N, C-alpha and C. Protein backbone atom coordinates (compact mmCIF):
# COMPACT_ATOMS: atom_id res chain seq x y z
N MET A 1 90.76 115.07 157.27
CA MET A 1 90.35 114.49 156.20
C MET A 1 89.59 113.11 156.67
N SER A 2 89.55 113.29 157.96
CA SER A 2 88.91 111.86 158.54
C SER A 2 87.37 111.70 158.22
N ARG A 3 86.81 112.85 158.20
CA ARG A 3 85.42 112.89 157.89
C ARG A 3 85.27 112.01 156.43
N LEU A 4 86.37 112.55 155.52
CA LEU A 4 86.42 111.78 154.06
C LEU A 4 86.45 109.92 154.64
N ALA A 5 87.19 109.41 155.48
CA ALA A 5 87.69 108.19 155.75
C ALA A 5 86.31 107.41 156.31
N GLU A 6 85.66 108.62 157.09
CA GLU A 6 84.29 107.87 157.54
C GLU A 6 83.21 107.43 156.62
N THR A 7 82.62 108.29 155.45
CA THR A 7 81.91 108.43 154.50
C THR A 7 82.50 107.43 153.74
N LEU A 8 83.89 106.60 153.39
CA LEU A 8 84.53 105.61 152.84
C LEU A 8 83.89 104.23 153.67
N ARG A 9 83.82 104.38 154.95
CA ARG A 9 83.79 103.26 156.01
C ARG A 9 82.14 103.17 155.77
N VAL A 10 81.27 103.98 155.83
CA VAL A 10 79.91 104.02 155.65
C VAL A 10 79.25 103.30 154.37
N GLY A 11 79.99 103.72 153.04
CA GLY A 11 80.17 103.02 152.10
C GLY A 11 80.44 101.80 151.53
N ARG A 12 80.86 101.40 152.67
CA ARG A 12 81.79 100.14 152.42
C ARG A 12 83.28 100.13 151.72
N ILE A 13 83.62 100.93 151.07
CA ILE A 13 84.74 100.92 150.58
C ILE A 13 85.91 100.34 151.09
N ILE A 14 86.13 101.05 152.45
CA ILE A 14 86.83 100.68 153.35
C ILE A 14 86.22 99.39 153.80
N GLY A 15 86.90 98.23 153.80
CA GLY A 15 86.29 97.15 154.33
C GLY A 15 86.29 96.26 153.34
N GLU A 16 85.75 96.47 152.25
CA GLU A 16 85.55 95.28 150.91
C GLU A 16 86.39 95.76 150.00
N VAL A 17 86.91 97.05 149.60
CA VAL A 17 87.71 97.07 148.35
C VAL A 17 89.02 97.33 149.04
N ILE A 18 89.55 98.33 150.20
CA ILE A 18 90.59 98.45 150.62
C ILE A 18 90.68 98.58 152.35
N ASN A 19 91.96 98.58 152.95
CA ASN A 19 91.71 98.44 154.32
C ASN A 19 91.75 99.82 154.83
N SER A 20 91.45 100.54 156.10
CA SER A 20 91.43 101.87 156.50
C SER A 20 92.62 102.50 156.28
N PHE A 21 92.87 103.65 156.05
CA PHE A 21 94.13 104.44 156.01
C PHE A 21 93.70 105.89 156.10
N ASP A 22 94.51 106.68 156.30
CA ASP A 22 94.67 107.99 156.37
C ASP A 22 94.61 108.97 155.02
N PRO A 23 93.32 109.39 154.33
CA PRO A 23 93.82 110.14 153.50
C PRO A 23 94.69 111.11 153.42
N CYS A 24 95.65 111.44 152.85
CA CYS A 24 96.60 112.27 152.97
C CYS A 24 97.06 113.22 151.54
N VAL A 25 96.25 112.70 150.37
CA VAL A 25 96.28 113.63 149.32
C VAL A 25 95.11 114.06 148.88
N HIS A 26 94.80 115.11 148.20
CA HIS A 26 93.48 115.77 147.33
C HIS A 26 93.12 114.76 146.12
N LEU A 27 91.86 114.03 146.19
CA LEU A 27 91.72 113.49 144.95
C LEU A 27 90.29 114.17 144.18
N ASN A 28 90.52 114.54 143.22
CA ASN A 28 89.22 114.97 142.37
C ASN A 28 88.96 114.87 141.04
N VAL A 29 87.40 114.15 141.13
CA VAL A 29 87.14 113.48 139.95
C VAL A 29 85.96 114.13 139.33
N ILE A 30 86.44 114.62 137.93
CA ILE A 30 85.40 115.14 137.25
C ILE A 30 84.95 114.57 136.16
N TYR A 31 83.48 114.31 135.87
CA TYR A 31 82.97 113.95 134.42
C TYR A 31 82.62 115.00 133.96
N ASN A 32 82.64 115.30 132.60
CA ASN A 32 82.03 115.82 131.70
C ASN A 32 82.07 117.80 132.00
N GLU A 33 83.43 117.64 132.57
CA GLU A 33 83.71 119.24 132.95
C GLU A 33 82.77 119.95 134.18
N ASN A 34 81.75 119.19 134.43
CA ASN A 34 80.95 119.62 135.71
C ASN A 34 80.62 118.36 136.82
N LYS A 35 80.57 117.42 136.30
CA LYS A 35 80.21 116.55 137.44
C LYS A 35 81.09 115.84 138.42
N HIS A 36 81.21 116.50 139.32
CA HIS A 36 82.33 116.16 140.55
C HIS A 36 81.56 115.25 141.29
N VAL A 37 82.52 113.96 141.36
CA VAL A 37 82.23 112.93 142.44
C VAL A 37 82.28 113.13 143.64
N SER A 38 81.19 112.91 144.52
CA SER A 38 81.29 113.02 146.12
C SER A 38 81.03 111.69 146.57
N ASN A 39 81.65 111.20 147.46
CA ASN A 39 81.29 109.97 148.14
C ASN A 39 79.69 110.04 148.44
N GLY A 40 78.99 108.47 148.14
CA GLY A 40 77.75 108.33 147.96
C GLY A 40 76.98 109.08 147.24
N HIS A 41 77.31 109.87 146.29
CA HIS A 41 76.17 110.71 145.41
C HIS A 41 76.04 109.52 144.27
N GLU A 42 75.15 109.86 143.72
CA GLU A 42 74.82 108.78 142.57
C GLU A 42 74.47 109.94 141.22
N LEU A 43 75.36 109.12 140.09
CA LEU A 43 75.78 109.62 138.67
C LEU A 43 74.89 108.68 137.93
N MET A 44 74.24 109.13 136.89
CA MET A 44 73.90 108.68 135.68
C MET A 44 74.69 107.76 135.14
N PRO A 45 74.66 106.75 134.80
CA PRO A 45 75.63 106.06 133.60
C PRO A 45 75.98 106.77 132.23
N ALA A 46 74.73 107.38 132.13
CA ALA A 46 75.18 108.35 130.86
C ALA A 46 76.18 109.59 130.89
N ALA A 47 75.81 109.83 132.06
CA ALA A 47 77.07 111.13 132.95
C ALA A 47 78.39 110.81 132.93
N VAL A 48 78.52 109.19 132.96
CA VAL A 48 79.73 108.72 133.40
C VAL A 48 80.41 107.82 132.15
N ALA A 49 79.49 108.00 131.14
CA ALA A 49 80.22 107.13 129.61
C ALA A 49 81.45 107.42 129.25
N THR A 50 82.24 108.73 129.62
CA THR A 50 83.57 109.09 128.89
C THR A 50 84.35 108.92 130.26
N LYS A 51 85.58 108.84 129.98
CA LYS A 51 86.85 109.01 130.76
C LYS A 51 86.74 110.41 131.66
N PRO A 52 86.65 110.20 133.19
CA PRO A 52 87.10 111.67 133.94
C PRO A 52 88.31 112.09 133.45
N ARG A 53 88.00 113.22 134.27
CA ARG A 53 89.39 114.07 134.59
C ARG A 53 89.61 113.67 136.10
N VAL A 54 90.99 113.21 136.21
CA VAL A 54 91.21 112.85 137.51
C VAL A 54 92.53 113.77 138.40
N GLU A 55 91.95 114.62 139.18
CA GLU A 55 93.31 115.61 139.42
C GLU A 55 93.67 115.01 140.92
N ILE A 56 95.11 114.72 141.17
CA ILE A 56 96.01 114.18 142.15
C ILE A 56 96.77 115.51 142.67
N GLY A 57 96.30 115.79 144.03
CA GLY A 57 96.99 117.10 144.39
C GLY A 57 98.05 116.29 145.73
N GLY A 58 98.96 117.07 146.08
CA GLY A 58 99.71 116.57 147.05
C GLY A 58 100.91 117.32 147.24
N GLU A 59 102.05 117.30 148.10
CA GLU A 59 103.02 118.02 148.33
C GLU A 59 104.48 117.60 147.55
N ASP A 60 104.12 116.64 147.46
CA ASP A 60 105.44 115.81 146.60
C ASP A 60 105.43 115.78 145.01
N MET A 61 106.11 116.83 144.49
CA MET A 61 105.94 116.91 142.88
C MET A 61 106.64 115.51 142.20
N ARG A 62 107.55 114.89 143.22
CA ARG A 62 108.43 113.86 142.65
C ARG A 62 107.40 112.29 143.03
N ALA A 63 106.74 112.63 143.65
CA ALA A 63 106.22 111.10 143.60
C ALA A 63 105.13 110.89 142.51
N SER A 64 105.15 109.31 142.31
CA SER A 64 104.20 108.69 141.32
C SER A 64 102.94 108.34 141.76
N TYR A 65 101.90 108.24 141.38
CA TYR A 65 100.69 107.71 141.92
C TYR A 65 100.02 106.64 140.69
N THR A 66 99.27 105.38 141.49
CA THR A 66 98.41 104.46 140.77
C THR A 66 97.10 104.99 141.08
N LEU A 67 96.35 104.84 139.71
CA LEU A 67 94.86 105.24 140.28
C LEU A 67 94.11 103.54 139.60
N VAL A 68 93.43 103.47 140.70
CA VAL A 68 92.41 102.14 140.13
C VAL A 68 91.22 102.50 140.47
N MET A 69 90.09 102.01 139.70
CA MET A 69 88.65 102.61 139.38
C MET A 69 88.28 101.00 139.46
N THR A 70 87.26 100.42 140.64
CA THR A 70 86.81 99.10 140.25
C THR A 70 85.25 99.26 140.83
N ASP A 71 84.42 97.99 140.22
CA ASP A 71 82.93 98.14 140.84
C ASP A 71 83.17 96.64 141.88
N PRO A 72 82.78 97.01 143.17
CA PRO A 72 82.60 95.80 144.02
C PRO A 72 81.33 95.07 143.87
N ASP A 73 80.46 95.95 143.38
CA ASP A 73 79.09 94.89 143.32
C ASP A 73 78.95 94.31 141.85
N ALA A 74 79.86 94.01 141.05
CA ALA A 74 79.43 93.33 140.01
C ALA A 74 79.18 91.93 140.18
N PRO A 75 78.12 90.93 139.42
CA PRO A 75 77.44 91.95 138.55
C PRO A 75 76.06 92.30 139.29
N SER A 76 76.06 92.08 140.59
CA SER A 76 74.71 92.93 141.10
C SER A 76 75.18 92.77 142.85
N PRO A 77 74.81 93.78 143.63
CA PRO A 77 75.07 94.14 144.82
C PRO A 77 74.87 92.79 145.65
N SER A 78 73.42 92.19 145.55
CA SER A 78 73.22 91.13 146.12
C SER A 78 73.73 89.74 145.98
N ASP A 79 74.72 90.00 144.79
CA ASP A 79 75.23 88.55 144.53
C ASP A 79 76.93 88.93 143.53
N PRO A 80 77.67 89.59 144.39
CA PRO A 80 78.71 90.02 143.69
C PRO A 80 79.86 89.40 143.28
N TYR A 81 79.61 88.22 142.72
CA TYR A 81 80.62 86.88 142.57
C TYR A 81 81.59 87.13 141.56
N LEU A 82 81.49 88.51 140.74
CA LEU A 82 82.72 88.89 140.41
C LEU A 82 83.29 89.69 140.69
N ARG A 83 83.31 90.13 142.00
CA ARG A 83 83.83 91.11 142.97
C ARG A 83 85.30 91.09 142.62
N GLU A 84 86.08 92.02 142.39
CA GLU A 84 85.98 93.31 141.84
C GLU A 84 85.94 93.25 140.60
N HIS A 85 85.19 94.32 139.70
CA HIS A 85 85.68 94.70 138.24
C HIS A 85 86.32 95.59 137.96
N VAL A 86 87.41 95.47 137.45
CA VAL A 86 88.04 96.65 137.18
C VAL A 86 87.64 97.59 136.22
N HIS A 87 87.65 98.91 136.17
CA HIS A 87 87.51 99.77 134.94
C HIS A 87 88.37 100.57 134.49
N TRP A 88 89.22 100.65 135.23
CA TRP A 88 90.60 101.67 134.60
C TRP A 88 91.58 101.33 135.93
N ILE A 89 92.90 101.19 135.04
CA ILE A 89 93.99 101.43 135.79
C ILE A 89 95.08 102.52 135.16
N VAL A 90 95.50 103.63 135.75
CA VAL A 90 96.44 104.49 135.20
C VAL A 90 97.71 104.36 136.47
N THR A 91 98.64 104.23 135.90
CA THR A 91 99.96 104.07 136.99
C THR A 91 100.74 105.37 136.36
N ASP A 92 101.96 105.50 137.04
CA ASP A 92 102.84 106.83 137.08
C ASP A 92 102.53 107.65 136.88
N ILE A 93 101.39 108.64 137.41
CA ILE A 93 100.71 109.81 137.64
C ILE A 93 101.82 110.58 138.46
N PRO A 94 102.27 111.79 137.60
CA PRO A 94 103.30 112.30 138.43
C PRO A 94 102.29 113.31 139.36
N GLY A 95 103.10 113.17 140.80
CA GLY A 95 102.25 114.21 141.82
C GLY A 95 101.91 115.34 141.27
N THR A 96 100.80 116.28 141.88
CA THR A 96 100.37 117.36 141.66
C THR A 96 99.62 117.43 140.22
N THR A 97 99.24 116.51 139.41
CA THR A 97 98.94 116.75 138.03
C THR A 97 97.66 116.03 138.15
N ASP A 98 97.45 115.49 136.77
CA ASP A 98 95.84 114.57 136.60
C ASP A 98 96.37 113.62 135.98
N ALA A 99 95.49 112.59 136.06
CA ALA A 99 95.73 110.90 135.40
C ALA A 99 95.88 111.28 134.03
N SER A 100 95.70 112.20 133.09
CA SER A 100 96.45 112.24 131.79
C SER A 100 97.63 112.32 131.66
N PHE A 101 98.49 112.38 132.36
CA PHE A 101 99.79 112.65 132.50
C PHE A 101 100.53 110.91 132.96
N GLY A 102 99.55 110.20 132.96
CA GLY A 102 100.10 109.08 133.57
C GLY A 102 100.27 108.07 132.55
N ARG A 103 100.21 106.72 132.83
CA ARG A 103 100.32 105.59 131.90
C ARG A 103 99.27 104.65 131.79
N GLU A 104 98.28 104.50 130.89
CA GLU A 104 96.91 104.15 131.13
C GLU A 104 97.18 102.72 130.60
N VAL A 105 97.28 101.90 131.80
CA VAL A 105 97.44 100.18 131.47
C VAL A 105 96.24 99.37 131.44
N VAL A 106 95.11 99.90 131.88
CA VAL A 106 93.78 99.28 131.56
C VAL A 106 92.77 100.54 131.41
N CYS A 107 92.70 100.21 129.77
CA CYS A 107 91.61 101.33 129.37
C CYS A 107 90.44 101.33 130.22
N TYR A 108 89.92 102.84 130.09
CA TYR A 108 88.68 103.16 130.89
C TYR A 108 87.33 102.43 130.25
N GLU A 109 86.63 101.60 130.94
CA GLU A 109 85.26 101.04 130.65
C GLU A 109 84.30 101.71 131.35
N LYS A 110 83.12 102.25 130.57
CA LYS A 110 81.98 102.88 131.44
C LYS A 110 81.46 101.90 132.35
N PRO A 111 80.80 102.66 133.15
CA PRO A 111 80.17 101.89 134.16
C PRO A 111 78.51 101.35 133.46
N LYS A 112 78.65 100.15 133.53
CA LYS A 112 77.28 99.55 132.88
C LYS A 112 76.40 98.84 133.89
N PRO A 113 75.92 99.22 135.17
CA PRO A 113 75.28 98.55 136.22
C PRO A 113 73.94 98.08 135.50
N THR A 114 73.50 96.58 135.53
CA THR A 114 72.44 96.12 135.22
C THR A 114 71.35 95.85 136.23
N ILE A 115 71.66 95.42 137.47
CA ILE A 115 70.92 95.37 138.50
C ILE A 115 70.96 95.62 139.96
N GLY A 116 70.32 96.45 140.55
CA GLY A 116 70.71 97.29 141.63
C GLY A 116 71.77 98.65 141.44
N ILE A 117 72.06 99.30 142.65
CA ILE A 117 72.80 100.26 142.81
C ILE A 117 73.93 99.62 143.02
N HIS A 118 75.29 100.10 141.97
CA HIS A 118 76.63 99.72 142.14
C HIS A 118 77.23 100.81 142.77
N ARG A 119 78.54 100.45 143.20
CA ARG A 119 79.39 101.66 143.89
C ARG A 119 80.43 101.48 142.77
N TYR A 120 81.24 102.70 142.45
CA TYR A 120 82.24 102.47 141.81
C TYR A 120 83.14 103.44 142.58
N ALA A 121 84.42 102.96 142.91
CA ALA A 121 85.39 103.40 143.74
C ALA A 121 86.57 103.77 142.82
N PHE A 122 87.59 104.96 143.04
CA PHE A 122 88.67 105.39 142.68
C PHE A 122 89.57 105.26 143.93
N VAL A 123 90.26 104.67 143.51
CA VAL A 123 91.61 104.50 144.83
C VAL A 123 93.09 104.86 144.25
N VAL A 124 93.91 105.74 144.92
CA VAL A 124 94.94 106.11 144.36
C VAL A 124 96.19 105.89 145.70
N PHE A 125 96.98 105.17 144.98
CA PHE A 125 98.04 104.85 145.69
C PHE A 125 99.39 105.16 145.34
N LYS A 126 100.42 105.41 146.31
CA LYS A 126 101.38 106.36 146.11
C LYS A 126 102.53 104.76 145.48
N GLN A 127 103.09 105.40 144.58
CA GLN A 127 104.16 104.19 144.22
C GLN A 127 105.33 104.39 144.97
N LYS A 128 106.13 103.40 145.00
CA LYS A 128 107.46 103.45 145.46
C LYS A 128 108.41 104.18 144.22
N ALA A 129 108.48 103.79 143.48
CA ALA A 129 109.15 104.54 142.38
C ALA A 129 108.55 104.35 140.89
N ARG A 130 108.78 105.29 140.03
CA ARG A 130 107.98 105.47 138.60
C ARG A 130 108.53 104.02 137.95
N TYR A 131 107.23 103.47 137.08
CA TYR A 131 107.21 102.26 136.43
C TYR A 131 107.61 101.08 137.65
N SER A 132 107.15 100.97 138.43
CA SER A 132 107.57 99.79 139.34
C SER A 132 105.97 99.15 139.45
N VAL A 133 105.01 99.40 138.86
CA VAL A 133 103.54 98.66 138.67
C VAL A 133 104.11 97.68 137.36
N LYS A 134 104.48 96.50 137.72
CA LYS A 134 104.47 95.59 136.89
C LYS A 134 103.36 94.24 136.55
N TYR A 135 103.02 94.02 137.42
CA TYR A 135 101.79 93.05 137.52
C TYR A 135 100.47 93.54 137.20
N LEU A 136 100.00 93.23 136.28
CA LEU A 136 98.67 93.82 135.71
C LEU A 136 97.64 92.67 135.49
N PRO A 137 96.54 93.07 135.94
CA PRO A 137 95.30 91.87 135.79
C PRO A 137 95.14 91.18 134.63
N SER A 138 94.65 89.82 134.34
CA SER A 138 94.58 89.29 133.13
C SER A 138 93.08 89.29 132.82
N SER A 139 92.32 89.52 133.78
CA SER A 139 90.75 89.74 133.53
C SER A 139 90.51 91.06 134.39
N ARG A 140 89.29 91.70 133.74
CA ARG A 140 88.54 92.75 134.57
C ARG A 140 87.99 92.32 135.41
N ASP A 141 87.27 91.19 135.24
CA ASP A 141 86.62 90.63 136.87
C ASP A 141 87.33 89.53 137.59
N HIS A 142 86.79 89.23 138.80
CA HIS A 142 87.49 89.04 139.98
C HIS A 142 88.91 89.76 140.21
N PHE A 143 89.19 90.88 140.03
CA PHE A 143 90.07 91.89 140.38
C PHE A 143 90.08 91.90 141.84
N ASN A 144 91.15 92.33 142.31
CA ASN A 144 91.36 92.62 144.26
C ASN A 144 92.08 93.38 144.41
N THR A 145 91.73 94.89 144.65
CA THR A 145 92.63 96.01 144.81
C THR A 145 93.52 95.77 145.80
N ARG A 146 93.31 94.90 146.78
CA ARG A 146 94.23 94.91 148.03
C ARG A 146 95.86 93.88 147.32
N ARG A 147 95.24 92.83 146.48
CA ARG A 147 96.24 92.09 145.98
C ARG A 147 96.93 92.72 145.10
N PHE A 148 96.38 93.70 143.93
CA PHE A 148 97.10 94.19 143.34
C PHE A 148 98.35 95.31 144.06
N ALA A 149 97.89 96.02 144.92
CA ALA A 149 98.75 96.63 145.70
C ALA A 149 99.72 96.00 146.02
N GLN A 150 99.65 94.90 146.60
CA GLN A 150 100.51 94.06 147.51
C GLN A 150 101.78 93.85 146.31
N GLU A 151 101.08 93.03 145.32
CA GLU A 151 101.87 92.34 144.17
C GLU A 151 102.77 93.62 143.43
N ASN A 152 102.18 94.78 143.38
CA ASN A 152 103.01 95.90 143.17
C ASN A 152 103.73 96.74 143.76
N CYS A 153 103.88 96.24 144.99
CA CYS A 153 104.94 96.99 146.10
C CYS A 153 104.03 98.60 146.50
N LEU A 154 102.79 98.69 146.39
CA LEU A 154 102.26 99.90 146.63
C LEU A 154 102.12 100.26 147.83
N ASP A 155 102.36 101.69 148.20
CA ASP A 155 102.12 101.87 149.49
C ASP A 155 100.33 101.92 150.08
N PHE A 156 100.03 102.29 151.13
CA PHE A 156 98.44 102.21 151.74
C PHE A 156 97.99 103.16 150.61
N PRO A 157 96.71 103.37 150.19
CA PRO A 157 96.18 104.15 149.74
C PRO A 157 96.64 105.51 150.16
N VAL A 158 96.52 106.60 149.44
CA VAL A 158 96.35 107.94 149.66
C VAL A 158 95.16 108.76 149.32
N ALA A 159 94.21 108.32 148.79
CA ALA A 159 93.05 109.03 148.37
C ALA A 159 92.06 107.99 148.23
N ALA A 160 90.81 108.37 148.20
CA ALA A 160 89.56 107.55 147.49
C ALA A 160 88.76 108.19 147.64
N LEU A 161 87.78 107.76 146.60
CA LEU A 161 86.19 108.36 146.41
C LEU A 161 85.34 107.36 145.78
N TYR A 162 84.32 107.50 145.72
CA TYR A 162 83.09 106.45 145.07
C TYR A 162 81.63 107.21 145.02
N PHE A 163 81.04 106.51 143.87
CA PHE A 163 79.86 107.35 143.24
C PHE A 163 79.33 105.85 143.27
N ASN A 164 77.55 106.07 143.34
CA ASN A 164 76.67 105.21 143.17
C ASN A 164 76.10 105.07 141.82
N ALA A 165 75.82 104.10 140.99
CA ALA A 165 74.85 104.45 139.88
C ALA A 165 74.26 103.15 140.01
N GLN A 166 73.04 103.35 139.02
CA GLN A 166 71.88 102.17 138.83
C GLN A 166 71.44 102.20 137.31
N ARG A 167 70.96 101.12 136.62
CA ARG A 167 70.73 101.08 135.29
C ARG A 167 69.48 102.24 135.28
N GLU A 168 69.52 102.87 134.03
CA GLU A 168 68.60 103.98 133.83
C GLU A 168 67.69 103.19 133.16
N THR A 169 66.60 103.48 133.27
CA THR A 169 65.18 103.01 132.95
C THR A 169 64.77 104.05 131.73
N ALA A 170 63.79 103.74 130.89
CA ALA A 170 62.95 104.65 130.09
C ALA A 170 62.78 105.93 130.68
N CYS A 171 61.97 105.84 131.72
CA CYS A 171 61.38 106.99 132.09
C CYS A 171 62.20 107.55 132.93
N ARG A 172 63.43 107.14 133.34
CA ARG A 172 64.50 107.88 134.17
C ARG A 172 65.64 108.81 133.13
N LYS A 173 65.18 108.42 131.94
CA LYS A 173 66.46 109.02 131.04
C LYS A 173 65.85 110.29 130.47
N ARG A 174 64.23 110.57 130.73
CA ARG A 174 63.87 111.92 130.13
C ARG A 174 64.15 112.99 130.98
């Protein structure tokens, strides 16, 4: 899984969103039943308009996980003064299941990049106990994944993925 961490470093997810970590849980994000998220690949906003299926693997069926989806490039990659914009938070996801079994505490907001190429990161944290996430963001803007994890006593990330998206122009939609 060290190759996975390297792609997160190259995409600056490790560094700008989260600290370095050793991926130890399998994460699979699927939009519209067939669009798998792969680090650094581009997905069109129309393809990610609905909530994805997020599968979290692992050895420990008793573990609980928290999923955070953010845009570290809001409102534009050259001037991300709203960094980060949180798109989705699901807590209390039982190990070896998918996010639909968790508790959605910030509802899914579809990506809407307006200027430039945006990165959308999915980060999974292992919780110390079920129902331990108590401190939720008051706003979607100026979210900080590291601070959120620290305030809620979450362990280091156990998995992460990201994709790129940019505004669809009229000719690209054809």
